[in-house]
Amino acid sequence: MSMVAAPHGKWFARFRGDEEDEFEFEYQPVVAWGRYEEEKEYTAMVLDLETGDLLPANAAVSFSGLCDAEEVTLAEMTPEEIRVRNKRERERLERLR
């Protein structure tokens, strides 16, 4: 297997959390990109939180995709923090017009 280090804090693997809430996710940072010799594409690698082993993110049943740091930041924000962020962004765009 060949591996390439992933930039710290840029990419995250998204995993479904509680089965009762289809929009609840857990995020783990991608620490490397790995590829077996017979494969053409690299796979996101994350740490197994129990064993510390490096595993392909898409091997987990709950894996639901990759995302960037912005999605993780938004997922951790409260509704009030999101409203303030959106208001500031609208004001910034108005100034640019």
C-alpha atoms as a PDB file:
ATOM      1  CA  MET A   1       0.000   0.000   0.000  1.00  0.00           C
ATOM      2  CA  SER A   2       1.259   3.467  -0.812  1.00  0.00           C
ATOM      3  CA  MET A   3       0.221   6.447   1.307  1.00  0.00           C
ATOM      4  CA  VAL A   4       0.269  10.210   1.147  1.00  0.00           C
ATOM      5  CA  ALA A   5      -0.191  12.392   4.232  1.00  0.00           C
ATOM      6  CA  ALA A   6      -3.400  14.441   4.250  1.00  0.00           C
ATOM      7  CA  PRO A   7      -3.286  18.155   5.121  1.00  0.00           C
ATOM      8  CA  HIS A   8      -4.172  18.591   8.807  1.00  0.00           C
ATOM      9  CA  GLY A   9      -7.777  19.672   9.426  1.00  0.00           C
ATOM     10  CA  LYS A  10      -8.794  20.042   5.776  1.00  0.00           C
ATOM     11  CA  TRP A  11     -10.692  16.815   4.980  1.00  0.00           C
ATOM     12  CA  PHE A  12     -12.992  14.755   7.171  1.00  0.00           C
ATOM     13  CA  ALA A  13     -14.808  11.445   6.858  1.00  0.00           C
ATOM     14  CA  ARG A  14     -18.522  11.686   7.709  1.00  0.00           C
ATOM     15  CA  PHE A  15     -20.186   8.811   9.559  1.00  0.00           C
ATOM     16  CA  ARG A  16     -23.871   8.384  10.360  1.00  0.00           C
ATOM     17  CA  GLY A  17     -24.430   8.718  14.073  1.00  0.00           C
ATOM     18  CA  ASP A  18     -27.623   7.771  15.859  1.00  0.00           C
ATOM     19  CA  GLU A  19     -29.918   5.639  13.679  1.00  0.00           C
ATOM     20  CA  GLU A  20     -32.958   7.559  14.930  1.00  0.00           C
ATOM     21  CA  ASP A  21     -31.712  10.872  13.501  1.00  0.00           C
ATOM     22  CA  GLU A  22     -30.702  10.524   9.859  1.00  0.00           C
ATOM     23  CA  PHE A  23     -29.084  13.993   9.924  1.00  0.00           C
ATOM     24  CA  GLU A  24     -26.808  13.362  12.910  1.00  0.00           C
ATOM     25  CA  PHE A  25     -23.208  12.742  11.860  1.00  0.00           C
ATOM     26  CA  GLU A  26     -19.855  12.165  13.455  1.00  0.00           C
ATOM     27  CA  TYR A  27     -16.676  13.398  11.813  1.00  0.00           C
ATOM     28  CA  GLN A  28     -13.140  12.044  11.870  1.00  0.00           C
ATOM     29  CA  PRO A  29     -10.160  13.795  10.309  1.00  0.00           C
ATOM     30  CA  VAL A  30      -8.600  12.190   7.253  1.00  0.00           C
ATOM     31  CA  VAL A  31      -4.970  11.647   8.235  1.00  0.00           C
ATOM     32  CA  ALA A  32      -3.723  10.052   5.012  1.00  0.00           C
ATOM     33  CA  TRP A  33      -4.706   8.904   1.546  1.00  0.00           C
ATOM     34  CA  GLY A  34      -3.919   5.253   0.869  1.00  0.00           C
ATOM     35  CA  ARG A  35      -3.947   3.111  -2.250  1.00  0.00           C
ATOM     36  CA  TYR A  36      -3.346  -0.553  -2.851  1.00  0.00           C
ATOM     37  CA  GLU A  37      -1.153  -1.191  -5.863  1.00  0.00           C
ATOM     38  CA  GLU A  38      -3.998  -2.670  -7.955  1.00  0.00           C
ATOM     39  CA  GLU A  39      -6.272   0.345  -7.349  1.00  0.00           C
ATOM     40  CA  LYS A  40      -6.190   3.571  -9.328  1.00  0.00           C
ATOM     41  CA  GLU A  41      -7.712   5.924  -6.755  1.00  0.00           C
ATOM     42  CA  TYR A  42      -6.608   6.829  -3.269  1.00  0.00           C
ATOM     43  CA  THR A  43      -8.896   6.165  -0.288  1.00  0.00           C
ATOM     44  CA  ALA A  44      -9.311   8.375   2.772  1.00  0.00           C
ATOM     45  CA  MET A  45      -7.655   6.835   5.829  1.00  0.00           C
ATOM     46  CA  VAL A  46      -8.786   7.543   9.406  1.00  0.00           C
ATOM     47  CA  LEU A  47      -7.657   6.350  12.810  1.00  0.00           C
ATOM     48  CA  ASP A  48      -9.645   3.624  14.540  1.00  0.00           C
ATOM     49  CA  LEU A  49     -10.425   5.336  17.841  1.00  0.00           C
ATOM     50  CA  GLU A  50     -10.284   2.078  19.803  1.00  0.00           C
ATOM     51  CA  THR A  51      -7.132   0.453  18.408  1.00  0.00           C
ATOM     52  CA  GLY A  52      -5.250   3.390  16.896  1.00  0.00           C
ATOM     53  CA  ASP A  53      -4.951   1.528  13.585  1.00  0.00           C
ATOM     54  CA  LEU A  54      -5.138   3.382  10.286  1.00  0.00           C
ATOM     55  CA  LEU A  55      -8.203   2.177   8.349  1.00  0.00           C
ATOM     56  CA  PRO A  56      -9.966   3.100   5.108  1.00  0.00           C
ATOM     57  CA  ALA A  57     -12.907   5.343   6.019  1.00  0.00           C
ATOM     58  CA  ASN A  58     -15.180   3.701   3.465  1.00  0.00           C
ATOM     59  CA  ALA A  59     -14.746   0.298   5.155  1.00  0.00           C
ATOM     60  CA  ALA A  60     -17.086   1.358   7.982  1.00  0.00           C
ATOM     61  CA  VAL A  61     -20.772   0.549   7.509  1.00  0.00           C
ATOM     62  CA  SER A  62     -21.722   4.008   8.799  1.00  0.00           C
ATOM     63  CA  PHE A  63     -19.464   5.870   6.303  1.00  0.00           C
ATOM     64  CA  SER A  64     -21.483   8.446   4.362  1.00  0.00           C
ATOM     65  CA  GLY A  65     -18.868  10.446   2.479  1.00  0.00           C
ATOM     66  CA  LEU A  66     -16.107  12.994   2.735  1.00  0.00           C
ATOM     67  CA  CYS A  67     -16.424  16.665   3.556  1.00  0.00           C
ATOM     68  CA  ASP A  68     -14.281  19.718   4.129  1.00  0.00           C
ATOM     69  CA  ALA A  69     -13.614  21.593   7.366  1.00  0.00           C
ATOM     70  CA  GLU A  70     -16.401  24.105   6.663  1.00  0.00           C
ATOM     71  CA  GLU A  71     -19.102  21.415   6.910  1.00  0.00           C
ATOM     72  CA  VAL A  72     -17.646  20.229  10.226  1.00  0.00           C
ATOM     73  CA  THR A  73     -17.584  23.792  11.557  1.00  0.00           C
ATOM     74  CA  LEU A  74     -21.205  24.373  10.538  1.00  0.00           C
ATOM     75  CA  ALA A  75     -22.286  21.052  12.042  1.00  0.00           C
ATOM     76  CA  GLU A  76     -20.839  22.077  15.391  1.00  0.00           C
ATOM     77  CA  MET A  77     -22.487  25.527  15.419  1.00  0.00           C
ATOM     78  CA  THR A  78     -25.681  26.317  17.308  1.00  0.00           C
ATOM     79  CA  PRO A  79     -28.634  27.725  15.317  1.00  0.00           C
ATOM     80  CA  GLU A  80     -27.930  31.182  16.804  1.00  0.00           C
ATOM     81  CA  GLU A  81     -24.279  31.042  15.714  1.00  0.00           C
ATOM     82  CA  ILE A  82     -25.398  30.084  12.194  1.00  0.00           C
ATOM     83  CA  ARG A  83     -27.833  33.027  12.057  1.00  0.00           C
ATOM     84  CA  VAL A  84     -25.070  35.448  13.126  1.00  0.00           C
ATOM     85  CA  ARG A  85     -22.674  33.949  10.572  1.00  0.00           C
ATOM     86  CA  ASN A  86     -25.261  34.227   7.784  1.00  0.00           C
ATOM     87  CA  LYS A  87     -26.085  37.817   8.740  1.00  0.00           C
ATOM     88  CA  ARG A  88     -22.405  38.803   8.616  1.00  0.00           C
ATOM     89  CA  GLU A  89     -22.042  37.099   5.228  1.00  0.00           C
ATOM     90  CA  ARG A  90     -25.094  38.940   3.819  1.00  0.00           C
ATOM     91  CA  GLU A  91     -23.692  42.269   5.091  1.00  0.00           C
ATOM     92  CA  ARG A  92     -20.309  41.496   3.517  1.00  0.00           C
ATOM     93  CA  LEU A  93     -21.929  40.713   0.174  1.00  0.00           C
ATOM     94  CA  GLU A  94     -23.997  43.926   0.314  1.00  0.00           C
ATOM     95  CA  ARG A  95     -20.806  45.966   0.800  1.00  0.00           C
ATOM     96  CA  LEU A  96     -19.298  44.354  -2.293  1.00  0.00           C
ATOM     97  CA  ARG A  97     -22.183  45.452  -4.529  1.00  0.00           C
END
